[in-house]
Amino acid sequence: MSNTLPKNIEEAVNGLIAPWNLNLSVLLEKSKSFDPRMDNPSDMQRWLSVDAAEKYSGCGRWTLARAIKAGKIKSSKLSSSRSGKVLIERASVDAWLERCRWKPST
C-alpha cells in the first residue's frame, strides 16, 4: 500500500469495510486505472439523444431545439416522420456552449 497513508488509518478503514469482503489496498489499486468517462458511456459518444444532450449540457430540450433550428448545434433526424429520433452532435454542443459563455469585461 502507499506510504502516504498512516498504518492505523489503513487498519481502521480495512476493519470498517471487511464485512463487505473489501480491502483498501485493492480498492486504491483499482482506482488508479479508473476512467470516469467509462462510467458514463454517453461522454464517449459522438452523437447524443435529446435526453442525453439535456443532461450533458444542462439546458432544456426547448433551448436545444431553438439552437438546432438556428443552426447553432448540429443534429441528425433518423426518420422523416414527425416523431423520428433526433441525435445531437456532442462536439457542436460543446462549441455552442463555449460561444455562449459569458466573458466578463476587464
Protein backbone atom coordinates (compact mmCIF):
# COMPACT_ATOMS: atom_id res chain seq x y z
CA MET A 1 0.00 0.00 0.00
CA SER A 2 1.01 3.63 -0.33
CA ASN A 3 3.37 5.03 2.28
CA THR A 4 1.35 8.29 2.47
CA LEU A 5 -1.47 6.67 4.44
CA PRO A 6 -0.75 6.04 8.13
CA LYS A 7 -0.86 2.38 9.14
CA ASN A 8 -3.51 2.96 11.84
CA ILE A 9 -5.83 4.65 9.30
CA GLU A 10 -5.36 1.79 6.86
CA GLU A 11 -6.19 -0.76 9.55
CA ALA A 12 -9.25 1.21 10.70
CA VAL A 13 -10.63 1.50 7.15
CA ASN A 14 -9.96 -2.18 6.46
CA GLY A 15 -11.84 -3.01 9.67
CA LEU A 16 -14.83 -0.95 8.52
CA ILE A 17 -15.03 -2.42 5.02
CA ALA A 18 -14.14 -6.02 5.97
CA PRO A 19 -17.83 -7.10 6.34
CA TRP A 20 -18.22 -6.45 2.60
CA ASN A 21 -15.12 -8.51 1.76
CA LEU A 22 -13.27 -5.39 0.60
CA ASN A 23 -9.65 -4.42 1.08
CA LEU A 24 -8.40 -0.83 0.97
CA SER A 25 -5.20 -1.72 -0.90
CA VAL A 26 -7.17 -3.45 -3.65
CA LEU A 27 -9.64 -0.57 -3.93
CA LEU A 28 -6.86 2.01 -4.17
CA GLU A 29 -5.08 -0.03 -6.83
CA LYS A 30 -8.28 -0.28 -8.88
CA SER A 31 -8.89 3.45 -8.55
CA LYS A 32 -5.57 4.19 -10.28
CA SER A 33 -6.86 2.68 -13.51
CA PHE A 34 -10.41 4.06 -13.18
CA ASP A 35 -11.55 6.19 -16.12
CA PRO A 36 -14.65 8.20 -15.10
CA ARG A 37 -15.66 8.60 -18.76
CA MET A 38 -16.26 4.85 -18.95
CA ASP A 39 -18.75 5.14 -16.09
CA ASN A 40 -20.97 7.23 -18.34
CA PRO A 41 -20.77 5.93 -21.93
CA SER A 42 -22.63 8.96 -23.29
CA ASP A 43 -19.49 11.00 -22.58
CA MET A 44 -17.65 8.93 -25.16
CA GLN A 45 -20.36 9.03 -27.86
CA ARG A 46 -20.17 11.42 -30.79
CA TRP A 47 -23.97 11.67 -31.11
CA LEU A 48 -26.32 12.12 -28.15
CA SER A 49 -30.06 11.60 -27.83
CA VAL A 50 -32.04 14.69 -26.86
CA ASP A 51 -32.32 13.41 -23.26
CA ALA A 52 -28.57 12.76 -23.07
CA ALA A 53 -27.83 16.18 -24.60
CA GLU A 54 -30.07 17.80 -21.96
CA LYS A 55 -28.13 16.11 -19.16
CA TYR A 56 -24.78 16.76 -20.82
CA SER A 57 -25.36 20.46 -21.43
CA GLY A 58 -27.65 21.32 -18.53
CA CYS A 59 -30.05 23.01 -20.98
CA GLY A 60 -33.68 22.13 -21.54
CA ARG A 61 -34.97 20.41 -24.67
CA TRP A 62 -36.63 23.57 -25.97
CA THR A 63 -33.41 25.55 -25.63
CA LEU A 64 -31.61 22.81 -27.55
CA ALA A 65 -34.38 22.74 -30.17
CA ARG A 66 -34.08 26.51 -30.71
CA ALA A 67 -30.31 26.23 -31.08
CA ILE A 68 -30.74 23.40 -33.59
CA LYS A 69 -33.32 25.37 -35.58
CA ALA A 70 -30.99 28.41 -35.60
CA GLY A 71 -28.17 26.21 -36.93
CA LYS A 72 -26.01 26.64 -33.85
CA ILE A 73 -26.00 22.93 -32.98
CA LYS A 74 -25.62 20.09 -35.50
CA SER A 75 -28.28 17.39 -35.37
CA SER A 76 -29.50 14.46 -37.38
CA LYS A 77 -33.03 13.12 -37.62
CA LEU A 78 -33.18 9.39 -38.20
CA SER A 79 -36.63 9.38 -39.77
CA SER A 80 -38.60 11.83 -41.86
CA SER A 81 -41.69 11.30 -39.71
CA ARG A 82 -42.65 13.89 -37.15
CA SER A 83 -41.78 11.55 -34.28
CA GLY A 84 -38.40 10.49 -35.69
CA LYS A 85 -35.49 10.22 -33.29
CA VAL A 86 -33.18 13.22 -33.23
CA LEU A 87 -29.47 12.87 -32.43
CA ILE A 88 -27.31 15.84 -31.47
CA GLU A 89 -23.58 16.08 -32.15
CA ARG A 90 -21.74 16.40 -28.84
CA ALA A 91 -18.86 18.47 -30.26
CA SER A 92 -21.30 21.05 -31.62
CA VAL A 93 -22.97 21.29 -28.20
CA ASP A 94 -19.53 21.92 -26.67
CA ALA A 95 -18.77 24.60 -29.28
CA TRP A 96 -22.18 26.25 -28.80
CA LEU A 97 -21.78 26.34 -25.01
CA GLU A 98 -18.31 27.84 -25.42
CA ARG A 99 -19.66 30.54 -27.75
CA CYS A 100 -22.46 31.31 -25.27
CA ARG A 101 -20.07 31.53 -22.33
CA TRP A 102 -20.20 34.84 -20.53
CA LYS A 103 -16.88 36.64 -20.69
CA PRO A 104 -16.54 39.41 -18.11
CA SER A 105 -15.11 42.69 -19.35
CA THR A 106 -11.76 43.67 -17.93
